[in-house]
C-alpha atoms as a PDB file:
ATOM      1  CA  UNK A   1     -15.868   0.439 -10.037  1.00  0.00           C
ATOM      2  CA  UNK A   2     -12.831  -2.313  -8.052  1.00  0.00           C
ATOM      3  CA  UNK A   3     -13.549  -2.629  -4.562  1.00  0.00           C
ATOM      4  CA  UNK A   4     -10.215  -3.476  -2.920  1.00  0.00           C
ATOM      5  CA  UNK A   5     -10.183  -5.236   0.434  1.00  0.00           C
ATOM      6  CA  UNK A   6      -6.729  -5.195   2.900  1.00  0.00           C
ATOM      7  CA  UNK A   7      -6.004  -7.713   5.630  1.00  0.00           C
ATOM      8  CA  UNK A   8      -3.087  -8.142   7.989  1.00  0.00           C
ATOM      9  CA  UNK A   9      -3.013  -5.126  10.008  1.00  0.00           C
ATOM     10  CA  UNK A  10      -2.722  -5.674  13.987  1.00  0.00           C
ATOM     11  CA  UNK A  11      -0.216  -4.916  16.941  1.00  0.00           C
ATOM     12  CA  UNK A  12       3.196  -5.596  16.785  1.00  0.00           C
ATOM     13  CA  UNK A  13       6.309  -4.557  18.858  1.00  0.00           C
ATOM     14  CA  UNK A  14       9.065  -2.058  17.682  1.00  0.00           C
ATOM     15  CA  UNK A  15      11.016  -3.805  15.744  1.00  0.00           C
ATOM     16  CA  UNK A  16       8.881  -6.669  14.667  1.00  0.00           C
ATOM     17  CA  UNK A  17       7.582  -7.193  11.277  1.00  0.00           C
ATOM     18  CA  UNK A  18       4.030  -7.216   9.567  1.00  0.00           C
ATOM     19  CA  UNK A  19       2.665  -8.307   6.025  1.00  0.00           C
ATOM     20  CA  UNK A  20      -0.313  -6.191   4.806  1.00  0.00           C
ATOM     21  CA  UNK A  21      -2.524  -7.682   1.785  1.00  0.00           C
ATOM     22  CA  UNK A  22      -4.622  -6.548  -0.800  1.00  0.00           C
ATOM     23  CA  UNK A  23      -7.064  -7.896  -3.399  1.00  0.00           C
ATOM     24  CA  UNK A  24      -9.382  -6.894  -5.392  1.00  0.00           C
ATOM     25  CA  UNK A  25     -12.793  -8.130  -4.448  1.00  0.00           C
ATOM     26  CA  UNK A  26     -14.263  -6.959  -7.663  1.00  0.00           C
ATOM     27  CA  UNK A  27     -13.542  -5.326 -10.763  1.00  0.00           C
ATOM     28  CA  UNK A  28     -10.103  -5.748 -12.460  1.00  0.00           C
ATOM     29  CA  UNK A  29      -6.710  -4.482 -12.364  1.00  0.00           C
ATOM     30  CA  UNK A  30      -5.346  -3.976 -15.713  1.00  0.00           C
ATOM     31  CA  UNK A  31      -1.810  -3.317 -16.936  1.00  0.00           C
ATOM     32  CA  UNK A  32      -2.491   0.100 -16.994  1.00  0.00           C
ATOM     33  CA  UNK A  33      -2.776   0.312 -13.154  1.00  0.00           C
ATOM     34  CA  UNK A  34      -0.574   0.983 -10.655  1.00  0.00           C
ATOM     35  CA  UNK A  35      -1.515  -0.544  -6.805  1.00  0.00           C
ATOM     36  CA  UNK A  36      -0.104   1.275  -3.661  1.00  0.00           C
ATOM     37  CA  UNK A  37      -0.399   1.783  -0.039  1.00  0.00           C
ATOM     38  CA  UNK A  38      -0.964   4.789   1.635  1.00  0.00           C
ATOM     39  CA  UNK A  39      -1.124   5.933   6.055  1.00  0.00           C
ATOM     40  CA  UNK A  40      -2.644   8.220   7.708  1.00  0.00           C
ATOM     41  CA  UNK A  41      -2.162   8.611  11.500  1.00  0.00           C
ATOM     42  CA  UNK A  42      -4.467  10.425  13.802  1.00  0.00           C
ATOM     43  CA  UNK A  43      -4.375  13.977  12.818  1.00  0.00           C
ATOM     44  CA  UNK A  44      -2.119  13.799  10.279  1.00  0.00           C
ATOM     45  CA  UNK A  45      -2.649  13.809   6.314  1.00  0.00           C
ATOM     46  CA  UNK A  46      -2.954  10.382   4.236  1.00  0.00           C
ATOM     47  CA  UNK A  47       0.342  10.258   2.930  1.00  0.00           C
ATOM     48  CA  UNK A  48       2.208   7.772   0.159  1.00  0.00           C
ATOM     49  CA  UNK A  49       4.113   4.776   1.547  1.00  0.00           C
ATOM     50  CA  UNK A  50       4.665   2.477  -1.573  1.00  0.00           C
ATOM     51  CA  UNK A  51       3.425   2.045  -4.847  1.00  0.00           C
ATOM     52  CA  UNK A  52       4.136  -0.567  -7.781  1.00  0.00           C
ATOM     53  CA  UNK A  53       2.759  -0.536 -11.378  1.00  0.00           C
ATOM     54  CA  UNK A  54       2.271  -3.563 -13.406  1.00  0.00           C
ATOM     55  CA  UNK A  55       5.817  -3.849 -15.090  1.00  0.00           C
ATOM     56  CA  UNK A  56       6.953  -4.565 -11.474  1.00  0.00           C
ATOM     57  CA  UNK A  57       8.704  -1.055 -10.854  1.00  0.00           C
ATOM     58  CA  UNK A  58       8.785  -0.033  -6.986  1.00  0.00           C
ATOM     59  CA  UNK A  59       8.459   3.148  -5.319  1.00  0.00           C
ATOM     60  CA  UNK A  60       8.797   4.176  -1.497  1.00  0.00           C
ATOM     61  CA  UNK A  61       8.675   6.968   0.703  1.00  0.00           C
ATOM     62  CA  UNK A  62      12.083   7.485   1.753  1.00  0.00           C
ATOM     63  CA  UNK A  63      10.960   7.082   5.947  1.00  0.00           C
ATOM     64  CA  UNK A  64      10.560   3.550   4.782  1.00  0.00           C
ATOM     65  CA  UNK A  65      12.999   2.602   2.251  1.00  0.00           C
ATOM     66  CA  UNK A  66      15.091  -0.510   3.057  1.00  0.00           C
ATOM     67  CA  UNK A  67      12.128  -1.675   5.526  1.00  0.00           C
ATOM     68  CA  UNK A  68       9.471  -2.288   3.106  1.00  0.00           C
ATOM     69  CA  UNK A  69       9.050  -4.171   0.220  1.00  0.00           C
ATOM     70  CA  UNK A  70       6.007  -3.956  -2.000  1.00  0.00           C
ATOM     71  CA  UNK A  71       4.740  -6.494  -4.385  1.00  0.00           C
ATOM     72  CA  UNK A  72       2.018  -7.547  -6.725  1.00  0.00           C
ATOM     73  CA  UNK A  73       0.668 -10.786  -8.634  1.00  0.00           C
ATOM     74  CA  UNK A  74      -1.214  -9.612 -11.420  1.00  0.00           C
ATOM     75  CA  UNK A  75      -2.913 -12.770 -12.038  1.00  0.00           C
ATOM     76  CA  UNK A  76      -4.624 -12.086  -9.230  1.00  0.00           C
ATOM     77  CA  UNK A  77      -5.007  -8.170  -8.562  1.00  0.00           C
ATOM     78  CA  UNK A  78      -3.353  -8.184  -5.338  1.00  0.00           C
ATOM     79  CA  UNK A  79      -0.661  -6.608  -3.907  1.00  0.00           C
ATOM     80  CA  UNK A  80       1.399  -6.998  -0.470  1.00  0.00           C
ATOM     81  CA  UNK A  81       3.247  -5.002   1.630  1.00  0.00           C
ATOM     82  CA  UNK A  82       5.779  -6.357   3.694  1.00  0.00           C
ATOM     83  CA  UNK A  83       7.203  -3.984   6.893  1.00  0.00           C
ATOM     84  CA  UNK A  84      10.051  -4.739   8.852  1.00  0.00           C
ATOM     85  CA  UNK A  85      11.920  -3.337  12.092  1.00  0.00           C
ATOM     86  CA  UNK A  86       8.472  -1.311  12.467  1.00  0.00           C
ATOM     87  CA  UNK A  87       8.795   1.774  14.464  1.00  0.00           C
ATOM     88  CA  UNK A  88       6.617   3.947  16.301  1.00  0.00           C
ATOM     89  CA  UNK A  89       6.000   6.193  13.717  1.00  0.00           C
ATOM     90  CA  UNK A  90       4.880   3.408  11.370  1.00  0.00           C
ATOM     91  CA  UNK A  91       1.420   3.059  13.628  1.00  0.00           C
ATOM     92  CA  UNK A  92      -1.237   4.249  11.645  1.00  0.00           C
ATOM     93  CA  UNK A  93      -4.273   3.162   9.434  1.00  0.00           C
ATOM     94  CA  UNK A  94      -2.983   1.336   6.379  1.00  0.00           C
ATOM     95  CA  UNK A  95      -4.841   2.010   3.052  1.00  0.00           C
ATOM     96  CA  UNK A  96      -4.503   0.015  -0.025  1.00  0.00           C
ATOM     97  CA  UNK A  97      -5.228   1.988  -3.667  1.00  0.00           C
ATOM     98  CA  UNK A  98      -5.187   1.669  -7.020  1.00  0.00           C
ATOM     99  CA  UNK A  99      -5.371   4.073 -10.219  1.00  0.00           C
ATOM    100  CA  UNK A 100      -5.072   3.912 -13.952  1.00  0.00           C
ATOM    101  CA  UNK A 101      -1.772   5.089 -14.642  1.00  0.00           C
ATOM    102  CA  UNK A 102      -1.769   5.067 -18.574  1.00  0.00           C
ATOM    103  CA  UNK A 103       0.779   1.882 -19.165  1.00  0.00           C
ATOM    104  CA  UNK A 104       2.582  -1.100 -17.391  1.00  0.00           C
ATOM    105  CA  UNK A 105       5.523   0.967 -16.996  1.00  0.00           C
ATOM    106  CA  UNK A 106       4.229   4.454 -15.929  1.00  0.00           C
ATOM    107  CA  UNK A 107       5.172   6.483 -12.695  1.00  0.00           C
ATOM    108  CA  UNK A 108       2.472   6.233 -10.058  1.00  0.00           C
ATOM    109  CA  UNK A 109       1.906   9.835  -8.408  1.00  0.00           C
ATOM    110  CA  UNK A 110       2.230   9.909  -4.868  1.00  0.00           C
ATOM    111  CA  UNK A 111      -0.443  12.230  -3.980  1.00  0.00           C
ATOM    112  CA  UNK A 112      -3.488  10.569  -2.575  1.00  0.00           C
ATOM    113  CA  UNK A 113      -5.504  12.453  -4.665  1.00  0.00           C
ATOM    114  CA  UNK A 114      -4.986  10.975  -7.396  1.00  0.00           C
ATOM    115  CA  UNK A 115      -5.506   7.490  -6.676  1.00  0.00           C
ATOM    116  CA  UNK A 116      -8.999   6.731  -7.702  1.00  0.00           C
ATOM    117  CA  UNK A 117      -9.761   3.194  -5.993  1.00  0.00           C
ATOM    118  CA  UNK A 118      -9.312   2.350  -2.302  1.00  0.00           C
ATOM    119  CA  UNK A 119      -9.711   0.096   0.744  1.00  0.00           C
ATOM    120  CA  UNK A 120     -11.215   0.915   3.735  1.00  0.00           C
ATOM    121  CA  UNK A 121      -8.222   0.712   5.671  1.00  0.00           C
ATOM    122  CA  UNK A 122      -6.276  -1.857   7.916  1.00  0.00           C
ATOM    123  CA  UNK A 123      -4.925  -0.789  11.519  1.00  0.00           C
ATOM    124  CA  UNK A 124      -1.171  -0.918  12.087  1.00  0.00           C
ATOM    125  CA  UNK A 125      -0.336  -0.519  16.114  1.00  0.00           C
ATOM    126  CA  UNK A 126       3.495  -0.254  17.113  1.00  0.00           C
ATOM    127  CA  UNK A 127       3.837  -0.017  20.356  1.00  0.00           C
ATOM    128  CA  UNK A 128       7.430   0.118  22.344  1.00  0.00           C
END
């Protein structure tokens, strides 16, 4: 069982930046596992934000492309999401996730249902 713990959420003005961090507090993230970030705003479904496989290939939703960077430290089983030029629509609870994708270069699913392990979430608030 993998337990994920997020940190780094908070309040920021529109146009500002935040870096979210996630670590596997227990269990092990293997070369067959992808790590990623999802978010959920009030009244909305949980949605894919970014993901990275063991090989370091990254995937982003269109709305954050060019403004966000996901990274991963395989030795430490951690992942970070750096978000720049934050917009009001970026406000949400952000969840770290991990799931088995089968190989180090496999493309992870963007569907939350396909992800097995989840953190508790960290709040990101964006004000005008």
